[in-house]
Amino acid sequence: MRKNWWKILAGVLLVYTFTAGLLIKVPSLGNLKETIRNMFFHVPMWFSQIILLTTALVYSIKYLRKPDLRFDIYAEAFTKTGILMGILGLVTGAIWATYAWGEPWSNDPKQIGVAIALLIYFAYLVLRNAIPDIDKRARVSAVYNIFAYFIYLPLIMILPRMVESLHPGGKGVEGNPALNGSDLDPMMRIVFWPAVIGWTLLATWITTLNIRLYLIRDKNLLHAE
């Protein structure tokens, strides 16, 4: 029980997020209306993705400093779950855009940046499968993962803010409120931040399950080190 407390916490926070997120009174901001409730799902998924990919980056750097296959396994697992959360974030964003912008995909710079970022990380998975040598695969994957991370951040956080975008935070936004921390009333805050923690813990839980599977898969290789 002591080891699993954070898993229980993840479940409790997500149940709270789904329940309170759908029932609390939310402010009416421009054309967002009731779709603002997606704030408790869409945005926390991106928070968790950034945390997961940052963790994967740390393990990739650790592998290059000390070639231990466990570090490569951890980096792979965190990256894969990060990709999953990115896909979920993209899907929930498309649903939100359907109601806020009138269509799920409008070639908005933020959408394009996210799509490119996900393709870069999909290429990471393809690269891993293309290299049969274990040590070479781990080394090349670590280097690629580092470069991918520092391309990914500008694509989703910097470039969309430098050009005209429908997405909140973009330049030239008219009639679309920039939903940020100041837009969250106290009632939304008590749901939003638990949602961030809940989604991040769930993603971490999924990652730990994958790590166990990968450690079993590569057990002989790890013993040979």
C-alpha atoms as a PDB file:
ATOM      1  CA  MET A   1       0.000   0.000   0.000  1.00  0.00           C
ATOM      2  CA  ARG A   2       2.821   2.402   0.873  1.00  0.00           C
ATOM      3  CA  LYS A   3       4.421   1.879  -2.530  1.00  0.00           C
ATOM      4  CA  ASN A   4       1.153   2.326  -4.402  1.00  0.00           C
ATOM      5  CA  TRP A   5      -0.139   5.469  -2.683  1.00  0.00           C
ATOM      6  CA  TRP A   6       0.605   7.640  -5.716  1.00  0.00           C
ATOM      7  CA  LYS A   7      -1.345   5.276  -7.986  1.00  0.00           C
ATOM      8  CA  ILE A   8      -4.336   5.534  -5.676  1.00  0.00           C
ATOM      9  CA  LEU A   9      -3.874   9.311  -5.665  1.00  0.00           C
ATOM     10  CA  ALA A  10      -3.873   9.315  -9.485  1.00  0.00           C
ATOM     11  CA  GLY A  11      -7.197   7.471  -9.549  1.00  0.00           C
ATOM     12  CA  VAL A  12      -8.757   9.739  -6.925  1.00  0.00           C
ATOM     13  CA  LEU A  13      -7.617  12.923  -8.691  1.00  0.00           C
ATOM     14  CA  LEU A  14      -8.892  11.776 -12.079  1.00  0.00           C
ATOM     15  CA  VAL A  15     -12.265  10.743 -10.686  1.00  0.00           C
ATOM     16  CA  TYR A  16     -12.405  14.169  -9.060  1.00  0.00           C
ATOM     17  CA  THR A  17     -11.390  15.823 -12.339  1.00  0.00           C
ATOM     18  CA  PHE A  18     -14.080  14.082 -14.386  1.00  0.00           C
ATOM     19  CA  THR A  19     -16.768  14.660 -11.754  1.00  0.00           C
ATOM     20  CA  ALA A  20     -16.032  18.236 -10.711  1.00  0.00           C
ATOM     21  CA  GLY A  21     -14.892  19.200 -14.194  1.00  0.00           C
ATOM     22  CA  LEU A  22     -18.296  18.391 -15.617  1.00  0.00           C
ATOM     23  CA  LEU A  23     -20.374  19.733 -12.737  1.00  0.00           C
ATOM     24  CA  ILE A  24     -18.817  22.976 -11.471  1.00  0.00           C
ATOM     25  CA  LYS A  25     -19.971  26.343 -12.704  1.00  0.00           C
ATOM     26  CA  VAL A  26     -17.532  27.768 -15.270  1.00  0.00           C
ATOM     27  CA  PRO A  27     -17.142  31.352 -16.498  1.00  0.00           C
ATOM     28  CA  SER A  28     -18.450  32.348 -19.922  1.00  0.00           C
ATOM     29  CA  LEU A  29     -15.505  33.568 -21.980  1.00  0.00           C
ATOM     30  CA  GLY A  30     -16.212  34.712 -25.525  1.00  0.00           C
ATOM     31  CA  ASN A  31     -17.024  31.846 -27.855  1.00  0.00           C
ATOM     32  CA  LEU A  32     -15.685  29.168 -25.511  1.00  0.00           C
ATOM     33  CA  LYS A  33     -18.861  28.820 -23.417  1.00  0.00           C
ATOM     34  CA  GLU A  34     -19.184  25.307 -21.910  1.00  0.00           C
ATOM     35  CA  THR A  35     -16.260  23.987 -23.985  1.00  0.00           C
ATOM     36  CA  ILE A  36     -13.994  25.682 -21.460  1.00  0.00           C
ATOM     37  CA  ARG A  37     -14.399  22.466 -19.441  1.00  0.00           C
ATOM     38  CA  ASN A  38     -11.954  20.872 -21.859  1.00  0.00           C
ATOM     39  CA  MET A  39      -9.356  22.932 -19.989  1.00  0.00           C
ATOM     40  CA  PHE A  40      -9.359  20.160 -17.381  1.00  0.00           C
ATOM     41  CA  PHE A  41      -8.407  17.532 -19.982  1.00  0.00           C
ATOM     42  CA  HIS A  42      -6.670  19.075 -22.994  1.00  0.00           C
ATOM     43  CA  VAL A  43      -4.184  21.331 -21.192  1.00  0.00           C
ATOM     44  CA  PRO A  44      -3.170  18.903 -18.387  1.00  0.00           C
ATOM     45  CA  MET A  45      -2.387  16.296 -21.055  1.00  0.00           C
ATOM     46  CA  TRP A  46       0.155  18.682 -22.559  1.00  0.00           C
ATOM     47  CA  PHE A  47       1.556  19.448 -19.120  1.00  0.00           C
ATOM     48  CA  SER A  48       2.082  15.733 -18.556  1.00  0.00           C
ATOM     49  CA  GLN A  49       3.610  15.279 -22.004  1.00  0.00           C
ATOM     50  CA  ILE A  50       6.195  17.983 -21.350  1.00  0.00           C
ATOM     51  CA  ILE A  51       7.071  16.398 -18.000  1.00  0.00           C
ATOM     52  CA  LEU A  52       7.386  12.927 -19.559  1.00  0.00           C
ATOM     53  CA  LEU A  53       9.521  14.062 -22.496  1.00  0.00           C
ATOM     54  CA  THR A  54      11.722  16.097 -20.144  1.00  0.00           C
ATOM     55  CA  THR A  55      12.235  12.978 -18.025  1.00  0.00           C
ATOM     56  CA  ALA A  56      13.084  11.011 -21.176  1.00  0.00           C
ATOM     57  CA  LEU A  57      15.606  13.720 -22.072  1.00  0.00           C
ATOM     58  CA  VAL A  58      17.272  13.352 -18.662  1.00  0.00           C
ATOM     59  CA  TYR A  59      17.609   9.580 -19.090  1.00  0.00           C
ATOM     60  CA  SER A  60      19.010  10.005 -22.615  1.00  0.00           C
ATOM     61  CA  ILE A  61      21.670  12.351 -21.263  1.00  0.00           C
ATOM     62  CA  LYS A  62      22.394   9.928 -18.416  1.00  0.00           C
ATOM     63  CA  TYR A  63      22.850   7.121 -20.946  1.00  0.00           C
ATOM     64  CA  LEU A  64      25.403   9.135 -22.930  1.00  0.00           C
ATOM     65  CA  ARG A  65      27.292   9.879 -19.716  1.00  0.00           C
ATOM     66  CA  LYS A  66      27.100   6.267 -18.508  1.00  0.00           C
ATOM     67  CA  PRO A  67      26.039   3.651 -21.104  1.00  0.00           C
ATOM     68  CA  ASP A  68      23.602   1.652 -18.998  1.00  0.00           C
ATOM     69  CA  LEU A  69      20.800  -0.016 -20.995  1.00  0.00           C
ATOM     70  CA  ARG A  70      18.387   0.673 -18.155  1.00  0.00           C
ATOM     71  CA  PHE A  71      18.662   4.385 -18.926  1.00  0.00           C
ATOM     72  CA  ASP A  72      17.839   3.672 -22.566  1.00  0.00           C
ATOM     73  CA  ILE A  73      14.805   1.613 -21.491  1.00  0.00           C
ATOM     74  CA  TYR A  74      13.576   4.407 -19.231  1.00  0.00           C
ATOM     75  CA  ALA A  75      14.043   6.988 -21.994  1.00  0.00           C
ATOM     76  CA  GLU A  76      12.146   4.821 -24.473  1.00  0.00           C
ATOM     77  CA  ALA A  77       9.264   4.207 -22.067  1.00  0.00           C
ATOM     78  CA  PHE A  78       8.859   7.853 -21.066  1.00  0.00           C
ATOM     79  CA  THR A  79       9.047   8.958 -24.694  1.00  0.00           C
ATOM     80  CA  LYS A  80       6.372   6.506 -25.792  1.00  0.00           C
ATOM     81  CA  THR A  81       3.971   7.603 -23.073  1.00  0.00           C
ATOM     82  CA  GLY A  82       4.775  11.220 -23.912  1.00  0.00           C
ATOM     83  CA  ILE A  83       3.765  10.535 -27.508  1.00  0.00           C
ATOM     84  CA  LEU A  84       0.529   8.952 -26.269  1.00  0.00           C
ATOM     85  CA  MET A  85      -0.307  12.026 -24.198  1.00  0.00           C
ATOM     86  CA  GLY A  86       0.511  14.222 -27.182  1.00  0.00           C
ATOM     87  CA  ILE A  87      -1.926  12.284 -29.355  1.00  0.00           C
ATOM     88  CA  LEU A  88      -4.626  12.598 -26.689  1.00  0.00           C
ATOM     89  CA  GLY A  89      -3.862  16.310 -26.419  1.00  0.00           C
ATOM     90  CA  LEU A  90      -4.142  16.711 -30.182  1.00  0.00           C
ATOM     91  CA  VAL A  91      -7.465  14.834 -30.294  1.00  0.00           C
ATOM     92  CA  THR A  92      -8.994  16.794 -27.409  1.00  0.00           C
ATOM     93  CA  GLY A  93      -7.711  19.977 -29.020  1.00  0.00           C
ATOM     94  CA  ALA A  94      -9.402  19.073 -32.317  1.00  0.00           C
ATOM     95  CA  ILE A  95     -12.666  18.439 -30.476  1.00  0.00           C
ATOM     96  CA  TRP A  96     -12.347  21.800 -28.727  1.00  0.00           C
ATOM     97  CA  ALA A  97     -11.508  23.553 -32.021  1.00  0.00           C
ATOM     98  CA  THR A  98     -14.643  22.117 -33.628  1.00  0.00           C
ATOM     99  CA  TYR A  99     -16.818  24.082 -31.225  1.00  0.00           C
ATOM    100  CA  ALA A 100     -14.594  27.146 -30.751  1.00  0.00           C
ATOM    101  CA  TRP A 101     -13.334  27.644 -34.327  1.00  0.00           C
ATOM    102  CA  GLY A 102     -15.952  25.769 -36.338  1.00  0.00           C
ATOM    103  CA  GLU A 103     -13.709  22.934 -37.569  1.00  0.00           C
ATOM    104  CA  PRO A 104     -11.334  20.404 -35.970  1.00  0.00           C
ATOM    105  CA  TRP A 105      -8.360  21.330 -38.137  1.00  0.00           C
ATOM    106  CA  SER A 106      -7.789  24.820 -39.527  1.00  0.00           C
ATOM    107  CA  ASN A 107      -4.039  24.674 -40.240  1.00  0.00           C
ATOM    108  CA  ASP A 108      -3.454  26.900 -37.247  1.00  0.00           C
ATOM    109  CA  PRO A 109       0.283  27.358 -36.496  1.00  0.00           C
ATOM    110  CA  LYS A 110      -0.181  25.722 -33.097  1.00  0.00           C
ATOM    111  CA  GLN A 111      -1.836  22.667 -34.660  1.00  0.00           C
ATOM    112  CA  ILE A 112       0.821  22.400 -37.347  1.00  0.00           C
ATOM    113  CA  GLY A 113       3.620  22.775 -34.790  1.00  0.00           C
ATOM    114  CA  VAL A 114       2.148  20.038 -32.620  1.00  0.00           C
ATOM    115  CA  ALA A 115       1.714  17.714 -35.615  1.00  0.00           C
ATOM    116  CA  ILE A 116       5.327  18.234 -36.703  1.00  0.00           C
ATOM    117  CA  ALA A 117       6.552  17.685 -33.134  1.00  0.00           C
ATOM    118  CA  LEU A 118       4.675  14.386 -32.904  1.00  0.00           C
ATOM    119  CA  LEU A 119       6.060  13.270 -36.285  1.00  0.00           C
ATOM    120  CA  ILE A 120       9.584  14.007 -35.031  1.00  0.00           C
ATOM    121  CA  TYR A 121       8.980  11.732 -32.063  1.00  0.00           C
ATOM    122  CA  PHE A 122       7.354   9.079 -34.252  1.00  0.00           C
ATOM    123  CA  ALA A 123      10.615   9.133 -36.222  1.00  0.00           C
ATOM    124  CA  TYR A 124      12.376   8.327 -32.922  1.00  0.00           C
ATOM    125  CA  LEU A 125      10.382   5.079 -32.732  1.00  0.00           C
ATOM    126  CA  VAL A 126      11.114   4.269 -36.378  1.00  0.00           C
ATOM    127  CA  LEU A 127      14.811   4.922 -35.789  1.00  0.00           C
ATOM    128  CA  ARG A 128      14.899   2.550 -32.837  1.00  0.00           C
ATOM    129  CA  ASN A 129      13.276  -0.234 -34.858  1.00  0.00           C
ATOM    130  CA  ALA A 130      15.692   0.314 -37.745  1.00  0.00           C
ATOM    131  CA  ILE A 131      18.869  -0.366 -35.726  1.00  0.00           C
ATOM    132  CA  PRO A 132      19.320  -4.021 -34.718  1.00  0.00           C
ATOM    133  CA  ASP A 133      22.498  -3.499 -32.669  1.00  0.00           C
ATOM    134  CA  ILE A 134      21.415  -2.840 -29.069  1.00  0.00           C
ATOM    135  CA  ASP A 135      24.264  -0.555 -28.002  1.00  0.00           C
ATOM    136  CA  LYS A 136      24.293   1.434 -31.234  1.00  0.00           C
ATOM    137  CA  ARG A 137      20.501   1.799 -31.089  1.00  0.00           C
ATOM    138  CA  ALA A 138      20.660   3.109 -27.536  1.00  0.00           C
ATOM    139  CA  ARG A 139      23.430   5.587 -28.349  1.00  0.00           C
ATOM    140  CA  VAL A 140      21.847   6.930 -31.546  1.00  0.00           C
ATOM    141  CA  SER A 141      18.396   7.071 -29.907  1.00  0.00           C
ATOM    142  CA  ALA A 142      19.777   9.082 -26.997  1.00  0.00           C
ATOM    143  CA  VAL A 143      21.375  11.642 -29.311  1.00  0.00           C
ATOM    144  CA  TYR A 144      18.224  11.866 -31.447  1.00  0.00           C
ATOM    145  CA  ASN A 145      16.038  12.234 -28.356  1.00  0.00           C
ATOM    146  CA  ILE A 146      18.054  15.226 -27.175  1.00  0.00           C
ATOM    147  CA  PHE A 147      17.797  16.985 -30.545  1.00  0.00           C
ATOM    148  CA  ALA A 148      14.087  16.096 -30.820  1.00  0.00           C
ATOM    149  CA  TYR A 149      13.354  17.667 -27.439  1.00  0.00           C
ATOM    150  CA  PHE A 150      14.979  20.988 -28.295  1.00  0.00           C
ATOM    151  CA  ILE A 151      13.118  21.092 -31.614  1.00  0.00           C
ATOM    152  CA  TYR A 152       9.863  20.097 -29.941  1.00  0.00           C
ATOM    153  CA  LEU A 153       9.772  22.922 -27.373  1.00  0.00           C
ATOM    154  CA  PRO A 154      10.035  25.803 -29.887  1.00  0.00           C
ATOM    155  CA  LEU A 155       7.477  24.130 -32.152  1.00  0.00           C
ATOM    156  CA  ILE A 156       4.757  23.978 -29.523  1.00  0.00           C
ATOM    157  CA  MET A 157       5.633  26.843 -27.163  1.00  0.00           C
ATOM    158  CA  ILE A 158       7.578  29.563 -28.989  1.00  0.00           C
ATOM    159  CA  LEU A 159       6.843  29.674 -32.728  1.00  0.00           C
ATOM    160  CA  PRO A 160       3.012  29.673 -32.389  1.00  0.00           C
ATOM    161  CA  ARG A 161       3.291  32.769 -30.168  1.00  0.00           C
ATOM    162  CA  MET A 162       5.333  34.622 -32.799  1.00  0.00           C
ATOM    163  CA  VAL A 163       2.754  34.381 -35.596  1.00  0.00           C
ATOM    164  CA  GLU A 164      -0.953  35.026 -35.983  1.00  0.00           C
ATOM    165  CA  SER A 165      -2.880  32.161 -34.449  1.00  0.00           C
ATOM    166  CA  LEU A 166      -6.407  31.335 -33.384  1.00  0.00           C
ATOM    167  CA  HIS A 167      -4.983  29.461 -30.446  1.00  0.00           C
ATOM    168  CA  PRO A 168      -4.940  31.344 -27.124  1.00  0.00           C
ATOM    169  CA  GLY A 169      -1.603  33.069 -26.719  1.00  0.00           C
ATOM    170  CA  GLY A 170      -1.060  33.615 -30.438  1.00  0.00           C
ATOM    171  CA  LYS A 171      -0.532  37.028 -32.033  1.00  0.00           C
ATOM    172  CA  GLY A 172      -3.431  38.804 -33.674  1.00  0.00           C
ATOM    173  CA  VAL A 173      -6.144  36.874 -31.826  1.00  0.00           C
ATOM    174  CA  GLU A 174      -9.486  38.623 -32.095  1.00  0.00           C
ATOM    175  CA  GLY A 175     -12.668  37.405 -30.473  1.00  0.00           C
ATOM    176  CA  ASN A 176     -10.880  34.416 -28.991  1.00  0.00           C
ATOM    177  CA  PRO A 177      -9.879  34.958 -25.375  1.00  0.00           C
ATOM    178  CA  ALA A 178      -6.338  34.032 -24.441  1.00  0.00           C
ATOM    179  CA  LEU A 179      -7.145  31.445 -21.835  1.00  0.00           C
ATOM    180  CA  ASN A 180      -4.358  31.675 -19.305  1.00  0.00           C
ATOM    181  CA  GLY A 181      -3.835  31.617 -15.564  1.00  0.00           C
ATOM    182  CA  SER A 182      -5.584  34.927 -15.040  1.00  0.00           C
ATOM    183  CA  ASP A 183      -8.692  33.588 -16.820  1.00  0.00           C
ATOM    184  CA  LEU A 184      -9.094  30.743 -14.359  1.00  0.00           C
ATOM    185  CA  ASP A 185     -11.448  31.676 -11.576  1.00  0.00           C
ATOM    186  CA  PRO A 186     -10.866  30.124  -8.126  1.00  0.00           C
ATOM    187  CA  MET A 187     -13.370  27.326  -8.812  1.00  0.00           C
ATOM    188  CA  MET A 188     -11.574  26.292 -12.006  1.00  0.00           C
ATOM    189  CA  ARG A 189      -8.194  26.386 -10.305  1.00  0.00           C
ATOM    190  CA  ILE A 190      -9.244  23.821  -7.695  1.00  0.00           C
ATOM    191  CA  VAL A 191     -10.021  21.422 -10.540  1.00  0.00           C
ATOM    192  CA  PHE A 192      -7.312  22.359 -13.042  1.00  0.00           C
ATOM    193  CA  TRP A 193      -4.230  21.789 -10.890  1.00  0.00           C
ATOM    194  CA  PRO A 194      -5.427  18.451  -9.458  1.00  0.00           C
ATOM    195  CA  ALA A 195      -6.131  17.486 -13.088  1.00  0.00           C
ATOM    196  CA  VAL A 196      -2.534  18.285 -14.048  1.00  0.00           C
ATOM    197  CA  ILE A 197      -1.234  16.135 -11.199  1.00  0.00           C
ATOM    198  CA  GLY A 198      -3.720  13.342 -11.905  1.00  0.00           C
ATOM    199  CA  TRP A 199      -2.951  13.067 -15.625  1.00  0.00           C
ATOM    200  CA  THR A 200       0.790  13.229 -14.952  1.00  0.00           C
ATOM    201  CA  LEU A 201       0.596  10.467 -12.334  1.00  0.00           C
ATOM    202  CA  LEU A 202      -1.512   8.312 -14.674  1.00  0.00           C
ATOM    203  CA  ALA A 203       1.001   8.779 -17.482  1.00  0.00           C
ATOM    204  CA  THR A 204       3.839   7.917 -15.097  1.00  0.00           C
ATOM    205  CA  TRP A 205       1.951   4.801 -13.997  1.00  0.00           C
ATOM    206  CA  ILE A 206       1.588   3.688 -17.628  1.00  0.00           C
ATOM    207  CA  THR A 207       5.296   4.329 -18.117  1.00  0.00           C
ATOM    208  CA  THR A 208       6.305   2.203 -15.122  1.00  0.00           C
ATOM    209  CA  LEU A 209       4.241  -0.686 -16.484  1.00  0.00           C
ATOM    210  CA  ASN A 210       6.033  -0.396 -19.830  1.00  0.00           C
ATOM    211  CA  ILE A 211       9.400  -0.236 -18.080  1.00  0.00           C
ATOM    212  CA  ARG A 212       8.639  -3.516 -16.305  1.00  0.00           C
ATOM    213  CA  LEU A 213       7.787  -5.142 -19.624  1.00  0.00           C
ATOM    214  CA  TYR A 214      10.939  -3.799 -21.284  1.00  0.00           C
ATOM    215  CA  LEU A 215      13.123  -4.951 -18.387  1.00  0.00           C
ATOM    216  CA  ILE A 216      11.675  -8.451 -18.762  1.00  0.00           C
ATOM    217  CA  ARG A 217      12.157  -8.282 -22.536  1.00  0.00           C
ATOM    218  CA  ASP A 218      15.822  -7.280 -22.201  1.00  0.00           C
ATOM    219  CA  LYS A 219      16.595  -9.260 -19.041  1.00  0.00           C
ATOM    220  CA  ASN A 220      19.312 -11.347 -20.688  1.00  0.00           C
ATOM    221  CA  LEU A 221      21.004  -8.261 -22.138  1.00  0.00           C
ATOM    222  CA  LEU A 222      20.977  -6.499 -18.783  1.00  0.00           C
ATOM    223  CA  HIS A 223      22.527  -9.502 -17.034  1.00  0.00           C
ATOM    224  CA  ALA A 224      25.223  -9.617 -19.709  1.00  0.00           C
ATOM    225  CA  GLU A 225      26.394  -6.089 -18.941  1.00  0.00           C
END
